[in-house]
Amino acid sequence: MEKQMKFKTSINCGGCVAKVTPLLNAAEGIENWKVDTDNPDKVLTVTTSLPEDAVMETVKKAGFKIEPLQ
C-alpha cells in the first residue's frame, strides 16, 4: 500500500535536485516525489510503497543527509 512520507534533507538547490532525481526516479516503488527547497528543512515528500529506510538509503546514495519528519 502506498503512503506519503516527509523527510528533512540537505537537498537545497536545483543542482542537488538534479543529482538525486535519477536515483529517486529509478527506485522501484516510488510513485512520485518532490523537494520543497524554499522550506528551511528542505522537505522531501515521497509517495511510495517502500519502507522509510529504503527511501532514506536512496537519498544517502546521492550524497545527501536525510531524516524522517514527525
N, C-alpha and C. Protein backbone atom coordinates (compact mmCIF):
# COMPACT_ATOMS: atom_id res chain seq x y z
N MET A 1 0.83 -1.19 0.00
CA MET A 1 0.00 0.00 0.00
C MET A 1 0.88 1.25 0.00
N GLU A 2 0.53 2.20 -0.82
CA GLU A 2 1.33 3.42 -0.91
C GLU A 2 0.97 4.40 0.19
N LYS A 3 1.99 5.08 0.67
CA LYS A 3 1.77 6.10 1.69
C LYS A 3 2.67 7.29 1.39
N GLN A 4 2.33 8.43 1.99
CA GLN A 4 3.14 9.62 1.80
C GLN A 4 4.04 9.79 3.01
N MET A 5 5.30 10.05 2.75
CA MET A 5 6.29 10.27 3.82
C MET A 5 6.96 11.61 3.60
N LYS A 6 7.37 12.23 4.69
CA LYS A 6 8.09 13.50 4.60
C LYS A 6 9.42 13.37 5.35
N PHE A 7 10.45 13.97 4.75
CA PHE A 7 11.79 13.90 5.31
C PHE A 7 12.44 15.28 5.30
N LYS A 8 13.26 15.53 6.31
CA LYS A 8 14.13 16.72 6.33
C LYS A 8 15.41 16.30 5.61
N THR A 9 15.86 17.13 4.66
CA THR A 9 17.03 16.75 3.86
C THR A 9 18.03 17.89 3.74
N SER A 10 19.15 17.60 3.09
CA SER A 10 20.14 18.62 2.75
C SER A 10 20.09 18.92 1.25
N ILE A 11 18.99 18.58 0.58
CA ILE A 11 18.80 18.86 -0.85
C ILE A 11 18.33 20.31 -0.96
N ASN A 12 19.26 21.25 -1.24
CA ASN A 12 18.90 22.66 -1.07
C ASN A 12 18.93 23.52 -2.32
N CYS A 13 19.10 22.93 -3.50
CA CYS A 13 19.12 23.76 -4.72
C CYS A 13 18.75 22.91 -5.93
N GLY A 14 18.59 23.56 -7.06
CA GLY A 14 18.26 22.86 -8.28
C GLY A 14 19.30 21.82 -8.68
N GLY A 15 20.57 22.14 -8.45
CA GLY A 15 21.64 21.19 -8.76
C GLY A 15 21.55 19.94 -7.90
N CYS A 16 21.18 20.14 -6.63
CA CYS A 16 21.01 19.00 -5.72
C CYS A 16 19.84 18.13 -6.17
N VAL A 17 18.74 18.79 -6.55
CA VAL A 17 17.57 18.05 -7.03
C VAL A 17 17.96 17.26 -8.28
N ALA A 18 18.72 17.86 -9.17
CA ALA A 18 19.15 17.17 -10.38
C ALA A 18 20.02 15.95 -10.05
N LYS A 19 20.80 16.05 -8.99
CA LYS A 19 21.69 14.95 -8.60
C LYS A 19 20.90 13.76 -8.03
N VAL A 20 19.84 14.04 -7.28
CA VAL A 20 19.08 12.97 -6.65
C VAL A 20 17.98 12.42 -7.56
N THR A 21 17.58 13.19 -8.58
CA THR A 21 16.48 12.79 -9.47
C THR A 21 16.65 11.40 -10.10
N PRO A 22 17.80 11.08 -10.70
CA PRO A 22 17.91 9.76 -11.34
C PRO A 22 17.72 8.60 -10.35
N LEU A 23 18.23 8.76 -9.14
CA LEU A 23 18.11 7.68 -8.15
C LEU A 23 16.67 7.51 -7.67
N LEU A 24 16.00 8.62 -7.37
CA LEU A 24 14.61 8.52 -6.91
C LEU A 24 13.69 8.05 -8.03
N ASN A 25 13.93 8.51 -9.26
CA ASN A 25 13.10 8.08 -10.39
C ASN A 25 13.30 6.60 -10.70
N ALA A 26 14.48 6.08 -10.46
CA ALA A 26 14.78 4.68 -10.76
C ALA A 26 14.35 3.73 -9.65
N ALA A 27 14.08 4.26 -8.47
CA ALA A 27 13.74 3.41 -7.33
C ALA A 27 12.37 2.76 -7.54
N GLU A 28 12.37 1.45 -7.55
CA GLU A 28 11.13 0.69 -7.70
C GLU A 28 10.25 0.95 -6.47
N GLY A 29 9.01 1.31 -6.69
CA GLY A 29 8.12 1.52 -5.55
C GLY A 29 7.88 2.98 -5.19
N ILE A 30 8.65 3.90 -5.79
CA ILE A 30 8.40 5.33 -5.54
C ILE A 30 7.48 5.83 -6.65
N GLU A 31 6.29 6.23 -6.25
CA GLU A 31 5.28 6.70 -7.20
C GLU A 31 5.60 8.12 -7.67
N ASN A 32 5.79 9.04 -6.73
CA ASN A 32 6.23 10.39 -7.07
C ASN A 32 6.89 11.02 -5.86
N TRP A 33 7.59 12.13 -6.12
CA TRP A 33 8.33 12.80 -5.06
C TRP A 33 8.55 14.25 -5.45
N LYS A 34 8.81 15.08 -4.45
CA LYS A 34 9.16 16.48 -4.70
C LYS A 34 9.94 17.00 -3.49
N VAL A 35 10.76 18.00 -3.74
CA VAL A 35 11.54 18.64 -2.68
C VAL A 35 11.13 20.11 -2.61
N ASP A 36 10.79 20.56 -1.42
CA ASP A 36 10.47 21.98 -1.20
C ASP A 36 11.75 22.68 -0.76
N THR A 37 12.51 23.22 -1.73
CA THR A 37 13.79 23.86 -1.40
C THR A 37 13.59 25.22 -0.75
N ASP A 38 12.37 25.76 -0.79
CA ASP A 38 12.09 27.04 -0.11
C ASP A 38 11.88 26.84 1.39
N ASN A 39 11.51 25.64 1.79
CA ASN A 39 11.31 25.33 3.21
C ASN A 39 12.68 25.24 3.89
N PRO A 40 12.84 25.82 5.10
CA PRO A 40 14.15 25.75 5.79
C PRO A 40 14.63 24.31 6.03
N ASP A 41 13.69 23.35 6.15
CA ASP A 41 14.05 21.95 6.36
C ASP A 41 14.26 21.18 5.07
N LYS A 42 14.10 21.87 3.90
CA LYS A 42 14.28 21.22 2.59
C LYS A 42 13.49 19.91 2.53
N VAL A 43 12.19 20.01 2.71
CA VAL A 43 11.33 18.84 2.89
C VAL A 43 11.14 18.05 1.59
N LEU A 44 11.49 16.77 1.67
CA LEU A 44 11.26 15.82 0.60
C LEU A 44 9.96 15.08 0.92
N THR A 45 8.99 15.15 0.01
CA THR A 45 7.74 14.42 0.16
C THR A 45 7.73 13.30 -0.87
N VAL A 46 7.50 12.07 -0.40
CA VAL A 46 7.56 10.90 -1.27
C VAL A 46 6.26 10.10 -1.13
N THR A 47 5.67 9.72 -2.25
CA THR A 47 4.55 8.78 -2.25
C THR A 47 5.13 7.44 -2.71
N THR A 48 5.06 6.44 -1.82
CA THR A 48 5.78 5.20 -2.08
C THR A 48 5.17 4.01 -1.34
N SER A 49 5.50 2.84 -1.83
CA SER A 49 5.15 1.61 -1.12
C SER A 49 6.39 1.06 -0.39
N LEU A 50 7.51 1.76 -0.54
CA LEU A 50 8.76 1.32 0.11
C LEU A 50 8.76 1.67 1.59
N PRO A 51 9.54 0.93 2.39
CA PRO A 51 9.71 1.32 3.79
C PRO A 51 10.55 2.60 3.88
N GLU A 52 10.38 3.30 4.98
CA GLU A 52 11.07 4.58 5.21
C GLU A 52 12.58 4.46 5.02
N ASP A 53 13.18 3.40 5.57
CA ASP A 53 14.64 3.26 5.49
C ASP A 53 15.13 3.07 4.06
N ALA A 54 14.32 2.46 3.19
CA ALA A 54 14.72 2.28 1.79
C ALA A 54 14.77 3.62 1.06
N VAL A 55 13.80 4.49 1.35
CA VAL A 55 13.80 5.83 0.75
C VAL A 55 15.03 6.60 1.25
N MET A 56 15.29 6.51 2.55
CA MET A 56 16.43 7.23 3.13
C MET A 56 17.74 6.74 2.52
N GLU A 57 17.87 5.46 2.32
CA GLU A 57 19.09 4.88 1.75
C GLU A 57 19.32 5.39 0.33
N THR A 58 18.24 5.52 -0.44
CA THR A 58 18.35 6.03 -1.81
C THR A 58 18.89 7.46 -1.83
N VAL A 59 18.37 8.30 -0.95
CA VAL A 59 18.82 9.70 -0.89
C VAL A 59 20.26 9.77 -0.38
N LYS A 60 20.62 8.94 0.57
CA LYS A 60 22.00 8.92 1.09
C LYS A 60 22.99 8.51 0.00
N LYS A 61 22.58 7.60 -0.89
CA LYS A 61 23.44 7.17 -2.01
C LYS A 61 23.79 8.35 -2.90
N ALA A 62 22.89 9.33 -2.99
CA ALA A 62 23.14 10.51 -3.81
C ALA A 62 24.03 11.52 -3.07
N GLY A 63 24.33 11.24 -1.80
CA GLY A 63 25.25 12.09 -1.04
C GLY A 63 24.58 13.13 -0.17
N PHE A 64 23.30 12.94 0.14
CA PHE A 64 22.58 13.93 0.95
C PHE A 64 22.19 13.38 2.31
N LYS A 65 22.07 14.30 3.26
CA LYS A 65 21.57 13.93 4.59
C LYS A 65 20.05 13.87 4.53
N ILE A 66 19.48 12.95 5.29
CA ILE A 66 18.02 12.81 5.32
C ILE A 66 17.60 12.23 6.67
N GLU A 67 16.50 12.75 7.20
CA GLU A 67 15.93 12.19 8.42
C GLU A 67 14.41 12.34 8.35
N PRO A 68 13.69 11.43 8.99
CA PRO A 68 12.22 11.49 8.94
C PRO A 68 11.70 12.75 9.65
N LEU A 69 10.63 13.29 9.13
CA LEU A 69 9.92 14.39 9.80
C LEU A 69 8.73 13.81 10.54
N GLN A 70 8.53 14.24 11.77
CA GLN A 70 7.38 13.72 12.55
C GLN A 70 6.12 14.44 12.18
